[in-house]
């Protein structure tokens, strides 16, 4: 004769196992949906800076010492005036969220290394808040005023020789997350005598600091 107590126990155990498997699958699916939703929310806030377009409007920006510089779309400026290095770039935010400039670095020459950027602790903090709205244009500015700064002379010399200058920007979304580093080049174009030399902006590399990037 069948042992109904054993059969009942096995049936209960089987039902419990099925319920546990179903619960595990539901939790796993829920966690996956939550991660997808979180990623989608992050992408709605992610900024991404590139050079502005040629037909974008020109803009004018003032430095703390009331030095003014105007640049056209896709252009920048590299000036050495009264012992101060001034740098400006016209940018466009092609990301979905507001971009906030946090820090920057500069090096003379074209930087062709694709796998590394300037270490974060070598970036210069941005002296003023610079925001670029999603899908809009804006300006970045930086200056080196201290003549004892090691980069003061080498950047000033690069400007005088009309040589390219590499600028890396560290920026985030409006809440300080999704930090990104983008590398740009300021490239001189125009006459050799320096009287009407203009500086073209070219963006060439991006790094995501808080998560894996697209590569």
N, C-alpha and C. Protein backbone atom coordinates (compact mmCIF):
# COMPACT_ATOMS: atom_id res chain seq x y z
N UNK A 1 0.84 -1.20 0.00
CA UNK A 1 0.00 0.00 0.00
C UNK A 1 0.88 1.26 0.00
N UNK A 2 0.36 2.26 -0.68
CA UNK A 2 1.12 3.51 -0.76
C UNK A 2 1.23 4.17 0.59
N UNK A 3 2.38 4.75 0.84
CA UNK A 3 2.60 5.53 2.06
C UNK A 3 2.20 6.96 1.77
N UNK A 4 0.93 7.27 2.16
CA UNK A 4 0.40 8.60 1.79
C UNK A 4 1.12 9.72 2.51
N UNK A 5 1.68 9.47 3.67
CA UNK A 5 2.42 10.52 4.35
C UNK A 5 3.69 10.89 3.56
N UNK A 6 4.35 9.82 3.03
CA UNK A 6 5.55 10.07 2.23
C UNK A 6 5.20 10.81 0.95
N UNK A 7 4.11 10.33 0.30
CA UNK A 7 3.67 10.98 -0.95
C UNK A 7 3.33 12.44 -0.70
N UNK A 8 2.62 12.69 0.41
CA UNK A 8 2.24 14.06 0.75
C UNK A 8 3.47 14.93 1.01
N UNK A 9 4.45 14.39 1.70
CA UNK A 9 5.67 15.14 1.99
C UNK A 9 6.43 15.47 0.71
N UNK A 10 6.51 14.45 -0.20
CA UNK A 10 7.20 14.69 -1.46
C UNK A 10 6.48 15.72 -2.31
N UNK A 11 5.17 15.67 -2.31
CA UNK A 11 4.40 16.64 -3.08
C UNK A 11 4.60 18.04 -2.53
N UNK A 12 4.60 18.16 -1.19
CA UNK A 12 4.83 19.47 -0.56
C UNK A 12 6.21 20.00 -0.88
N UNK A 13 7.22 19.10 -0.82
CA UNK A 13 8.59 19.50 -1.13
C UNK A 13 8.72 19.94 -2.59
N UNK A 14 8.05 19.18 -3.49
CA UNK A 14 8.09 19.54 -4.90
C UNK A 14 7.45 20.89 -5.15
N UNK A 15 6.31 21.12 -4.48
CA UNK A 15 5.65 22.41 -4.65
C UNK A 15 6.51 23.56 -4.14
N UNK A 16 7.17 23.32 -3.01
CA UNK A 16 8.04 24.35 -2.43
C UNK A 16 9.20 24.66 -3.37
N UNK A 17 9.78 23.58 -3.98
CA UNK A 17 10.89 23.77 -4.91
C UNK A 17 10.46 24.58 -6.14
N UNK A 18 9.29 24.23 -6.67
CA UNK A 18 8.76 24.97 -7.83
C UNK A 18 8.55 26.43 -7.49
N UNK A 19 7.99 26.67 -6.28
CA UNK A 19 7.75 28.05 -5.84
C UNK A 19 9.07 28.80 -5.68
N UNK A 20 10.10 28.11 -5.13
CA UNK A 20 11.40 28.75 -4.94
C UNK A 20 12.03 29.12 -6.28
N UNK A 21 11.94 28.19 -7.25
CA UNK A 21 12.49 28.47 -8.58
C UNK A 21 11.76 29.64 -9.22
N UNK A 22 10.44 29.65 -9.09
CA UNK A 22 9.65 30.74 -9.67
C UNK A 22 10.00 32.07 -9.01
N UNK A 23 10.17 32.05 -7.67
CA UNK A 23 10.54 33.28 -6.95
C UNK A 23 11.91 33.77 -7.37
N UNK A 24 12.88 32.84 -7.49
CA UNK A 24 14.23 33.21 -7.91
C UNK A 24 14.22 33.84 -9.30
N UNK A 25 13.47 33.25 -10.22
CA UNK A 25 13.38 33.77 -11.58
C UNK A 25 12.76 35.16 -11.59
N UNK A 26 11.71 35.33 -10.75
CA UNK A 26 11.03 36.62 -10.70
C UNK A 26 11.96 37.70 -10.14
N UNK A 27 12.71 37.34 -9.08
CA UNK A 27 13.65 38.30 -8.48
C UNK A 27 14.76 38.64 -9.47
N UNK A 28 15.29 37.62 -10.16
CA UNK A 28 16.35 37.85 -11.14
C UNK A 28 15.86 38.75 -12.25
N UNK A 29 14.65 38.48 -12.74
CA UNK A 29 14.08 39.31 -13.79
C UNK A 29 13.83 40.73 -13.31
N UNK A 30 13.37 40.84 -12.05
CA UNK A 30 13.14 42.17 -11.48
C UNK A 30 14.43 42.95 -11.34
N UNK A 31 15.50 42.26 -10.89
CA UNK A 31 16.79 42.94 -10.77
C UNK A 31 17.32 43.38 -12.12
N UNK A 32 17.13 42.52 -13.13
CA UNK A 32 17.58 42.88 -14.47
C UNK A 32 16.79 44.08 -15.00
N UNK A 33 15.50 44.10 -14.75
CA UNK A 33 14.68 45.23 -15.19
C UNK A 33 15.09 46.51 -14.46
N UNK A 34 15.43 46.36 -13.16
CA UNK A 34 15.86 47.53 -12.40
C UNK A 34 17.17 48.08 -12.94
N UNK A 35 18.11 47.17 -13.31
CA UNK A 35 19.38 47.63 -13.87
C UNK A 35 19.18 48.32 -15.21
N UNK A 36 18.28 47.78 -16.02
CA UNK A 36 18.00 48.40 -17.32
C UNK A 36 17.38 49.78 -17.12
N UNK A 37 16.46 49.87 -16.17
CA UNK A 37 15.82 51.16 -15.89
C UNK A 37 16.83 52.17 -15.36
N UNK A 38 17.75 51.71 -14.50
CA UNK A 38 18.78 52.60 -13.96
C UNK A 38 19.71 53.08 -15.07
N UNK A 39 20.09 52.15 -15.97
CA UNK A 39 20.97 52.52 -17.06
C UNK A 39 20.28 53.52 -17.99
N UNK A 40 18.98 53.29 -18.24
CA UNK A 40 18.24 54.21 -19.10
C UNK A 40 18.17 55.60 -18.47
N UNK A 41 17.98 55.65 -17.13
CA UNK A 41 17.94 56.93 -16.44
C UNK A 41 19.29 57.63 -16.52
N UNK A 42 20.38 56.86 -16.37
CA UNK A 42 21.71 57.45 -16.47
C UNK A 42 21.95 58.02 -17.86
N UNK A 43 21.54 57.29 -18.89
CA UNK A 43 21.75 57.78 -20.24
C UNK A 43 20.94 59.04 -20.51
N UNK A 44 19.83 59.21 -19.82
CA UNK A 44 19.04 60.44 -19.96
C UNK A 44 19.75 61.64 -19.34
N UNK A 45 20.76 61.37 -18.47
CA UNK A 45 21.48 62.45 -17.82
C UNK A 45 22.91 62.58 -18.33
N UNK A 46 23.37 61.68 -19.19
CA UNK A 46 24.78 61.67 -19.58
C UNK A 46 25.09 62.80 -20.57
N UNK A 47 26.09 63.63 -20.27
CA UNK A 47 26.57 64.62 -21.24
C UNK A 47 27.71 64.04 -22.08
N UNK A 48 27.95 64.60 -23.22
CA UNK A 48 29.09 64.21 -24.04
C UNK A 48 29.50 65.42 -24.87
N UNK A 49 30.72 65.90 -24.63
CA UNK A 49 31.21 67.11 -25.28
C UNK A 49 31.98 66.78 -26.56
N UNK A 50 31.68 67.52 -27.62
CA UNK A 50 32.44 67.47 -28.86
C UNK A 50 32.65 68.92 -29.32
N UNK A 51 33.43 69.11 -30.37
CA UNK A 51 33.58 70.45 -30.90
C UNK A 51 32.26 70.91 -31.51
N UNK A 52 32.01 72.21 -31.44
CA UNK A 52 30.78 72.74 -32.03
C UNK A 52 30.89 72.71 -33.56
N UNK A 53 29.79 72.98 -34.23
CA UNK A 53 29.76 72.94 -35.69
C UNK A 53 30.20 74.26 -36.29
N UNK A 54 30.60 74.22 -37.57
CA UNK A 54 31.06 75.43 -38.24
C UNK A 54 29.99 76.51 -38.29
N UNK A 55 28.73 76.09 -38.40
CA UNK A 55 27.66 77.08 -38.52
C UNK A 55 27.04 77.48 -37.19
N UNK A 56 27.61 77.01 -36.08
CA UNK A 56 27.13 77.45 -34.77
C UNK A 56 27.52 78.92 -34.55
N UNK A 57 26.72 79.60 -33.78
CA UNK A 57 26.94 81.03 -33.56
C UNK A 57 28.23 81.28 -32.78
N UNK A 58 28.83 82.43 -33.02
CA UNK A 58 30.01 82.83 -32.27
C UNK A 58 29.58 83.26 -30.87
N UNK A 59 30.50 83.09 -29.92
CA UNK A 59 30.22 83.46 -28.53
C UNK A 59 31.41 84.19 -27.94
N UNK A 60 31.13 84.94 -26.90
CA UNK A 60 32.16 85.74 -26.25
C UNK A 60 32.19 85.40 -24.77
N UNK A 61 33.40 85.28 -24.21
CA UNK A 61 33.52 84.89 -22.81
C UNK A 61 34.55 85.79 -22.13
N UNK A 62 34.32 86.07 -20.85
CA UNK A 62 35.22 86.94 -20.09
C UNK A 62 35.95 86.13 -19.03
N UNK A 63 37.22 86.42 -18.86
CA UNK A 63 38.02 85.83 -17.80
C UNK A 63 37.93 86.71 -16.55
N UNK A 64 38.45 86.19 -15.45
CA UNK A 64 38.34 86.91 -14.19
C UNK A 64 39.03 88.26 -14.17
N UNK A 65 40.02 88.43 -15.05
CA UNK A 65 40.73 89.71 -15.11
C UNK A 65 40.13 90.63 -16.18
N UNK A 66 38.92 90.29 -16.64
CA UNK A 66 38.17 91.06 -17.64
C UNK A 66 38.82 91.01 -19.03
N UNK A 67 39.58 89.96 -19.27
CA UNK A 67 40.08 89.71 -20.63
C UNK A 67 38.98 88.99 -21.40
N UNK A 68 38.60 89.52 -22.56
CA UNK A 68 37.50 88.96 -23.35
C UNK A 68 38.04 88.25 -24.58
N UNK A 69 37.40 87.13 -24.93
CA UNK A 69 37.73 86.40 -26.16
C UNK A 69 36.44 85.97 -26.83
N UNK A 70 36.37 86.18 -28.14
CA UNK A 70 35.23 85.72 -28.93
C UNK A 70 35.69 84.62 -29.87
N UNK A 71 34.92 83.54 -29.95
CA UNK A 71 35.25 82.45 -30.86
C UNK A 71 34.02 82.06 -31.67
N UNK A 72 34.27 81.62 -32.89
CA UNK A 72 33.21 81.16 -33.78
C UNK A 72 32.97 79.67 -33.57
N UNK A 73 31.95 79.16 -34.26
CA UNK A 73 31.66 77.74 -34.17
C UNK A 73 32.83 76.89 -34.63
N UNK A 74 33.09 75.80 -33.91
CA UNK A 74 34.18 74.85 -34.16
C UNK A 74 35.56 75.47 -33.96
N UNK A 75 35.62 76.66 -33.39
CA UNK A 75 36.90 77.34 -33.19
C UNK A 75 37.24 77.47 -31.71
N UNK A 76 38.47 77.81 -31.46
CA UNK A 76 38.93 78.08 -30.11
C UNK A 76 39.90 79.23 -30.14
N UNK A 77 40.62 79.40 -29.05
CA UNK A 77 41.62 80.45 -28.97
C UNK A 77 42.72 80.02 -28.02
N UNK A 78 43.94 80.39 -28.37
CA UNK A 78 45.09 80.18 -27.50
C UNK A 78 45.90 81.46 -27.56
N UNK A 79 45.91 82.20 -26.47
CA UNK A 79 46.56 83.50 -26.44
C UNK A 79 47.54 83.59 -25.28
N UNK A 80 48.61 84.32 -25.52
CA UNK A 80 49.57 84.63 -24.46
C UNK A 80 49.67 86.15 -24.38
N UNK A 81 49.04 86.72 -23.35
CA UNK A 81 48.92 88.18 -23.24
C UNK A 81 49.36 88.61 -21.85
N UNK A 82 50.29 89.54 -21.79
CA UNK A 82 50.76 90.10 -20.52
C UNK A 82 51.17 89.01 -19.53
N UNK A 83 51.84 87.99 -20.04
CA UNK A 83 52.34 86.93 -19.18
C UNK A 83 51.32 85.90 -18.75
N UNK A 84 50.14 85.90 -19.36
CA UNK A 84 49.08 84.96 -18.99
C UNK A 84 48.68 84.14 -20.21
N UNK A 85 48.53 82.83 -20.02
CA UNK A 85 48.05 81.94 -21.07
C UNK A 85 46.52 81.84 -20.97
N UNK A 86 45.84 82.16 -22.06
CA UNK A 86 44.39 82.05 -22.13
C UNK A 86 44.01 80.98 -23.14
N UNK A 87 43.09 80.09 -22.76
CA UNK A 87 42.61 79.03 -23.64
C UNK A 87 41.09 79.02 -23.66
N UNK A 88 40.51 78.89 -24.84
CA UNK A 88 39.05 78.87 -24.99
C UNK A 88 38.70 77.87 -26.08
N UNK A 89 37.59 77.15 -25.91
CA UNK A 89 37.07 76.26 -26.95
C UNK A 89 35.56 76.38 -27.04
N UNK A 90 35.07 76.39 -28.27
CA UNK A 90 33.64 76.34 -28.53
C UNK A 90 33.22 74.87 -28.61
N UNK A 91 32.28 74.47 -27.78
CA UNK A 91 31.89 73.06 -27.67
C UNK A 91 30.39 72.88 -27.88
N UNK A 92 30.03 71.65 -28.17
CA UNK A 92 28.62 71.27 -28.26
C UNK A 92 28.41 70.02 -27.41
N UNK A 93 27.33 70.01 -26.64
CA UNK A 93 26.98 68.85 -25.83
C UNK A 93 25.99 68.00 -26.62
N UNK A 94 26.46 66.86 -27.15
CA UNK A 94 25.58 66.00 -27.93
C UNK A 94 24.92 64.93 -27.05
N UNK A 95 25.20 64.97 -25.74
CA UNK A 95 24.57 64.03 -24.82
C UNK A 95 23.16 64.46 -24.46
N UNK A 96 22.51 63.63 -23.62
CA UNK A 96 21.12 63.88 -23.25
C UNK A 96 20.97 64.69 -21.97
N UNK A 97 22.08 64.92 -21.24
CA UNK A 97 21.99 65.63 -19.96
C UNK A 97 22.90 66.85 -19.92
N UNK A 98 22.65 67.72 -18.94
CA UNK A 98 23.47 68.90 -18.75
C UNK A 98 24.90 68.48 -18.38
N UNK A 99 25.88 69.12 -19.00
CA UNK A 99 27.28 68.84 -18.70
C UNK A 99 27.87 69.93 -17.83
N UNK A 100 28.63 69.52 -16.81
CA UNK A 100 29.26 70.46 -15.89
C UNK A 100 30.77 70.24 -15.92
N UNK A 101 31.52 71.24 -16.36
CA UNK A 101 32.98 71.13 -16.39
C UNK A 101 33.51 71.12 -14.96
N UNK A 102 34.36 70.15 -14.66
CA UNK A 102 34.93 70.01 -13.32
C UNK A 102 36.41 70.38 -13.28
N UNK A 103 37.18 69.97 -14.28
CA UNK A 103 38.62 70.19 -14.25
C UNK A 103 39.17 70.06 -15.67
N UNK A 104 40.44 70.43 -15.82
CA UNK A 104 41.05 70.38 -17.15
C UNK A 104 42.56 70.20 -17.04
N UNK A 105 43.14 69.79 -18.15
CA UNK A 105 44.59 69.67 -18.26
C UNK A 105 44.99 70.10 -19.66
N UNK A 106 46.24 70.47 -19.80
CA UNK A 106 46.72 70.93 -21.11
C UNK A 106 48.15 70.45 -21.31
N UNK A 107 48.47 70.07 -22.55
CA UNK A 107 49.81 69.65 -22.92
C UNK A 107 50.12 70.18 -24.31
N UNK A 108 51.36 70.52 -24.58
CA UNK A 108 51.71 70.98 -25.93
C UNK A 108 51.74 69.81 -26.91
N UNK A 109 51.43 70.11 -28.17
CA UNK A 109 51.52 69.10 -29.22
C UNK A 109 50.27 68.25 -29.34
N UNK A 110 50.21 67.48 -30.41
CA UNK A 110 49.12 66.55 -30.63
C UNK A 110 49.38 65.28 -29.82
N UNK A 111 48.40 64.85 -29.06
CA UNK A 111 48.52 63.65 -28.25
C UNK A 111 47.83 62.50 -28.98
N UNK A 112 48.62 61.52 -29.40
CA UNK A 112 48.07 60.43 -30.21
C UNK A 112 47.86 59.14 -29.43
N UNK A 113 48.24 59.14 -28.17
CA UNK A 113 48.03 57.92 -27.38
C UNK A 113 46.54 57.73 -27.14
N UNK A 114 46.03 56.56 -27.45
CA UNK A 114 44.59 56.34 -27.44
C UNK A 114 44.09 55.64 -26.18
N UNK A 115 44.98 55.04 -25.41
CA UNK A 115 44.53 54.22 -24.29
C UNK A 115 44.67 54.89 -22.93
N UNK A 116 45.26 56.06 -22.86
CA UNK A 116 45.43 56.69 -21.57
C UNK A 116 45.17 58.19 -21.65
N UNK A 117 44.85 58.76 -20.52
CA UNK A 117 44.61 60.19 -20.41
C UNK A 117 45.45 60.71 -19.25
N UNK A 118 45.45 61.99 -19.04
CA UNK A 118 46.17 62.57 -17.92
C UNK A 118 45.58 62.03 -16.62
N UNK A 119 46.40 61.61 -15.64
CA UNK A 119 45.87 61.14 -14.36
C UNK A 119 44.96 62.18 -13.72
N UNK A 120 43.92 61.70 -13.07
CA UNK A 120 42.93 62.62 -12.50
C UNK A 120 43.54 63.61 -11.52
N UNK A 121 44.55 63.18 -10.76
CA UNK A 121 45.13 64.08 -9.77
C UNK A 121 46.01 65.16 -10.38
N UNK A 122 46.21 65.12 -11.70
CA UNK A 122 46.98 66.15 -12.38
C UNK A 122 46.09 67.17 -13.09
N UNK A 123 44.78 67.00 -12.99
CA UNK A 123 43.86 67.96 -13.59
C UNK A 123 43.78 69.22 -12.73
N UNK A 124 43.52 70.33 -13.38
CA UNK A 124 43.35 71.62 -12.71
C UNK A 124 41.86 71.85 -12.46
N UNK A 125 41.51 72.19 -11.24
CA UNK A 125 40.10 72.45 -10.92
C UNK A 125 39.59 73.65 -11.70
N UNK A 126 38.37 73.56 -12.17
CA UNK A 126 37.76 74.67 -12.89
C UNK A 126 37.50 75.82 -11.94
N UNK A 127 37.93 77.03 -12.30
CA UNK A 127 37.81 78.18 -11.40
C UNK A 127 36.39 78.72 -11.32
N UNK A 128 35.58 78.44 -12.33
CA UNK A 128 34.19 78.91 -12.33
C UNK A 128 33.30 77.81 -12.88
N UNK A 129 32.03 77.86 -12.51
CA UNK A 129 31.09 76.85 -12.99
C UNK A 129 30.80 77.08 -14.47
N UNK A 130 30.97 76.04 -15.27
CA UNK A 130 30.67 76.10 -16.69
C UNK A 130 29.70 74.98 -17.02
N UNK A 131 28.50 75.34 -17.45
CA UNK A 131 27.46 74.38 -17.79
C UNK A 131 27.20 74.44 -19.30
N UNK A 132 26.99 73.28 -19.90
CA UNK A 132 26.58 73.23 -21.30
C UNK A 132 25.31 72.39 -21.38
N UNK A 133 24.19 72.99 -21.77
CA UNK A 133 22.92 72.25 -21.82
C UNK A 133 22.96 71.13 -22.86
N UNK A 134 22.11 70.16 -22.67
CA UNK A 134 22.01 69.05 -23.63
C UNK A 134 21.57 69.58 -24.99
N UNK A 135 22.27 69.14 -26.03
CA UNK A 135 21.92 69.53 -27.38
C UNK A 135 22.21 70.97 -27.72
N UNK A 136 23.04 71.63 -26.94
CA UNK A 136 23.30 73.06 -27.15
C UNK A 136 24.81 73.30 -27.15
N UNK A 137 25.19 74.54 -27.43
CA UNK A 137 26.59 74.90 -27.48
C UNK A 137 26.98 75.67 -26.22
N UNK A 138 28.28 75.75 -25.98
CA UNK A 138 28.79 76.50 -24.84
C UNK A 138 30.28 76.69 -25.01
N UNK A 139 30.88 77.39 -24.08
CA UNK A 139 32.30 77.67 -24.13
C UNK A 139 33.02 77.08 -22.93
N UNK A 140 34.23 76.60 -23.18
CA UNK A 140 35.13 76.24 -22.08
C UNK A 140 36.27 77.24 -22.05
N UNK A 141 36.73 77.58 -20.85
CA UNK A 141 37.85 78.50 -20.71
C UNK A 141 38.80 78.03 -19.62
N UNK A 142 40.08 78.33 -19.80
CA UNK A 142 41.09 78.03 -18.80
C UNK A 142 42.24 79.01 -18.96
N UNK A 143 42.96 79.24 -17.88
CA UNK A 143 44.08 80.17 -17.92
C UNK A 143 45.20 79.67 -17.00
N UNK A 144 46.44 79.96 -17.39
CA UNK A 144 47.61 79.68 -16.56
C UNK A 144 48.27 81.02 -16.29
N UNK A 145 48.20 81.46 -15.05
CA UNK A 145 48.68 82.80 -14.69
C UNK A 145 50.03 82.78 -13.99
N UNK A 146 50.34 81.71 -13.31
CA UNK A 146 51.56 81.63 -12.51
C UNK A 146 52.76 81.30 -13.40
N UNK A 147 53.70 82.23 -13.49
CA UNK A 147 54.87 82.03 -14.34
C UNK A 147 55.75 80.88 -13.85
N UNK A 148 55.61 80.50 -12.57
CA UNK A 148 56.40 79.39 -12.04
C UNK A 148 55.76 78.04 -12.32
N UNK A 149 54.57 78.04 -12.85
CA UNK A 149 53.90 76.79 -13.23
C UNK A 149 54.71 76.13 -14.35
N UNK A 150 55.07 74.85 -14.21
CA UNK A 150 55.89 74.19 -15.24
C UNK A 150 55.27 74.25 -16.64
N UNK A 151 53.95 74.26 -16.72
CA UNK A 151 53.31 74.27 -18.04
C UNK A 151 53.15 75.68 -18.60
N UNK A 152 53.37 76.69 -17.78
CA UNK A 152 53.20 78.06 -18.25
C UNK A 152 54.10 78.35 -19.45
N UNK A 153 55.38 78.07 -19.32
CA UNK A 153 56.33 78.37 -20.39
C UNK A 153 56.13 77.48 -21.59
N UNK A 154 55.91 76.17 -21.39
CA UNK A 154 55.81 75.28 -22.54
C UNK A 154 54.54 75.55 -23.36
N UNK A 155 53.44 75.94 -22.72
CA UNK A 155 52.24 76.27 -23.47
C UNK A 155 52.41 77.63 -24.15
N UNK A 156 53.01 78.60 -23.44
CA UNK A 156 53.26 79.90 -24.04
C UNK A 156 54.16 79.76 -25.27
N UNK A 157 55.17 78.91 -25.17
CA UNK A 157 56.06 78.69 -26.31
C UNK A 157 55.32 78.02 -27.47
N UNK A 158 54.46 77.07 -27.17
CA UNK A 158 53.68 76.40 -28.22
C UNK A 158 52.79 77.41 -28.94
N UNK A 159 52.18 78.31 -28.18
CA UNK A 159 51.34 79.34 -28.79
C UNK A 159 52.17 80.25 -29.69
N UNK A 160 53.34 80.66 -29.21
CA UNK A 160 54.20 81.54 -29.99
C UNK A 160 54.66 80.86 -31.28
N UNK A 161 54.90 79.55 -31.23
CA UNK A 161 55.35 78.82 -32.41
C UNK A 161 54.19 78.35 -33.28
N UNK A 162 52.97 78.66 -32.87
CA UNK A 162 51.78 78.23 -33.61
C UNK A 162 51.74 76.71 -33.74
N UNK A 163 51.95 76.04 -32.61
CA UNK A 163 51.90 74.59 -32.57
C UNK A 163 50.61 74.13 -31.89
N UNK A 164 50.10 72.95 -32.21
CA UNK A 164 48.87 72.46 -31.59
C UNK A 164 49.02 72.30 -30.08
N UNK A 165 47.89 72.40 -29.40
CA UNK A 165 47.82 72.22 -27.96
C UNK A 165 46.70 71.24 -27.65
N UNK A 166 46.99 70.26 -26.81
CA UNK A 166 45.98 69.26 -26.43
C UNK A 166 45.35 69.64 -25.09
N UNK A 167 44.03 69.63 -25.04
CA UNK A 167 43.28 69.95 -23.83
C UNK A 167 42.38 68.76 -23.49
N UNK A 168 42.43 68.33 -22.24
CA UNK A 168 41.52 67.28 -21.78
C UNK A 168 40.59 67.86 -20.73
N UNK A 169 39.31 67.64 -20.90
CA UNK A 169 38.30 68.14 -19.98
C UNK A 169 37.71 66.99 -19.17
N UNK A 170 37.56 67.21 -17.87
CA UNK A 170 36.86 66.27 -17.00
C UNK A 170 35.55 66.93 -16.62
N UNK A 171 34.44 66.26 -16.95
CA UNK A 171 33.13 66.84 -16.68
C UNK A 171 32.16 65.76 -16.21
N UNK A 172 31.02 66.18 -15.72
CA UNK A 172 30.05 65.24 -15.15
C UNK A 172 28.65 65.69 -15.52
N UNK A 173 27.65 64.91 -15.06
CA UNK A 173 26.27 65.37 -15.21
C UNK A 173 25.98 66.38 -14.10
N UNK A 174 24.72 66.84 -14.01
CA UNK A 174 24.40 67.94 -13.10
C UNK A 174 24.45 67.57 -11.63
N UNK A 175 24.55 66.26 -11.32
CA UNK A 175 24.64 65.84 -9.92
C UNK A 175 26.04 65.33 -9.59
N UNK A 176 27.00 65.56 -10.49
CA UNK A 176 28.37 65.18 -10.24
C UNK A 176 28.71 63.73 -10.53
N UNK A 177 27.84 63.02 -11.20
CA UNK A 177 28.09 61.63 -11.54
C UNK A 177 28.39 61.48 -13.04
N UNK A 178 28.62 60.25 -13.47
CA UNK A 178 28.90 59.94 -14.87
C UNK A 178 30.06 60.79 -15.40
N UNK A 179 31.15 60.76 -14.63
CA UNK A 179 32.31 61.57 -15.00
C UNK A 179 32.93 61.07 -16.31
N UNK A 180 33.29 62.01 -17.14
CA UNK A 180 33.84 61.71 -18.45
C UNK A 180 35.05 62.60 -18.70
N UNK A 181 36.06 62.04 -19.36
CA UNK A 181 37.19 62.83 -19.83
C UNK A 181 37.16 62.82 -21.36
N UNK A 182 37.22 64.01 -21.95
CA UNK A 182 37.27 64.14 -23.41
C UNK A 182 38.54 64.90 -23.79
N UNK A 183 39.22 64.39 -24.80
CA UNK A 183 40.44 65.04 -25.28
C UNK A 183 40.15 65.85 -26.54
N UNK A 184 40.63 67.08 -26.55
CA UNK A 184 40.49 67.96 -27.70
C UNK A 184 41.86 68.47 -28.12
N UNK A 185 41.94 68.89 -29.37
CA UNK A 185 43.15 69.52 -29.88
C UNK A 185 42.80 70.92 -30.38
N UNK A 186 43.60 71.89 -29.96
CA UNK A 186 43.53 73.24 -30.52
C UNK A 186 44.60 73.33 -31.60
N UNK A 187 44.16 73.47 -32.86
CA UNK A 187 45.07 73.40 -33.99
C UNK A 187 45.09 74.75 -34.72
N UNK A 188 46.26 75.37 -34.86
CA UNK A 188 46.33 76.67 -35.52
C UNK A 188 46.10 76.55 -37.02
N UNK A 189 45.30 77.44 -37.55
CA UNK A 189 45.06 77.51 -39.00
C UNK A 189 45.12 78.99 -39.39
N UNK A 190 45.55 79.26 -40.61
CA UNK A 190 45.62 80.65 -41.06
C UNK A 190 47.02 81.01 -41.52
N UNK A 191 47.33 82.28 -41.47
CA UNK A 191 48.59 82.78 -42.02
C UNK A 191 49.76 82.41 -41.13
N UNK A 192 50.94 82.41 -41.71
CA UNK A 192 52.15 82.07 -40.98
C UNK A 192 52.66 83.22 -40.12
N UNK A 193 52.28 84.46 -40.47
CA UNK A 193 52.81 85.59 -39.71
C UNK A 193 52.14 85.78 -38.37
N UNK A 194 51.06 85.00 -38.11
CA UNK A 194 50.41 85.04 -36.81
C UNK A 194 49.40 86.15 -36.64
N UNK A 195 49.23 86.98 -37.66
CA UNK A 195 48.33 88.11 -37.51
C UNK A 195 46.87 87.69 -37.50
N UNK A 196 46.53 86.72 -38.34
CA UNK A 196 45.13 86.30 -38.39
C UNK A 196 45.00 84.79 -38.19
N UNK A 197 45.90 84.22 -37.39
CA UNK A 197 45.82 82.80 -37.10
C UNK A 197 44.59 82.52 -36.26
N UNK A 198 43.83 81.52 -36.64
CA UNK A 198 42.70 81.05 -35.86
C UNK A 198 43.00 79.64 -35.38
N UNK A 199 42.25 79.21 -34.37
CA UNK A 199 42.50 77.91 -33.78
C UNK A 199 41.25 77.04 -33.95
N UNK A 200 41.41 75.94 -34.66
CA UNK A 200 40.33 74.99 -34.85
C UNK A 200 40.30 74.01 -33.68
N UNK A 201 39.10 73.58 -33.29
CA UNK A 201 38.92 72.61 -32.21
C UNK A 201 38.58 71.26 -32.81
N UNK A 202 39.29 70.24 -32.37
CA UNK A 202 39.04 68.88 -32.84
C UNK A 202 38.97 67.94 -31.65
N UNK A 203 37.83 67.30 -31.44
CA UNK A 203 37.69 66.30 -30.38
C UNK A 203 38.05 64.93 -30.90
N UNK A 204 38.81 64.15 -30.13
CA UNK A 204 39.26 62.88 -30.69
C UNK A 204 39.21 61.68 -29.76
N UNK A 205 38.85 61.86 -28.48
CA UNK A 205 38.83 60.67 -27.60
C UNK A 205 37.98 60.95 -26.37
N UNK A 206 37.29 59.91 -25.89
CA UNK A 206 36.46 60.03 -24.69
C UNK A 206 36.70 58.83 -23.78
N UNK A 207 36.70 59.08 -22.49
CA UNK A 207 36.82 58.01 -21.48
C UNK A 207 35.72 58.18 -20.43
N UNK A 208 35.00 57.08 -20.13
CA UNK A 208 34.04 57.08 -19.02
C UNK A 208 34.79 56.62 -17.77
N UNK A 209 34.71 57.37 -16.70
CA UNK A 209 35.46 57.05 -15.50
C UNK A 209 34.70 56.16 -14.51
N UNK A 210 33.38 56.22 -14.52
CA UNK A 210 32.58 55.52 -13.51
C UNK A 210 31.96 54.22 -14.00
N UNK A 211 32.16 53.89 -15.26
CA UNK A 211 31.63 52.64 -15.80
C UNK A 211 32.35 52.34 -17.10
N UNK A 212 32.11 51.16 -17.63
CA UNK A 212 32.76 50.78 -18.88
C UNK A 212 32.26 51.66 -20.01
N UNK A 213 33.19 52.03 -20.89
CA UNK A 213 32.83 52.84 -22.03
C UNK A 213 32.36 52.02 -23.21
N UNK A 214 32.15 52.67 -24.36
CA UNK A 214 31.61 51.94 -25.53
C UNK A 214 32.62 51.03 -26.19
N UNK A 215 33.92 51.18 -25.87
CA UNK A 215 34.94 50.34 -26.52
C UNK A 215 35.28 49.14 -25.65
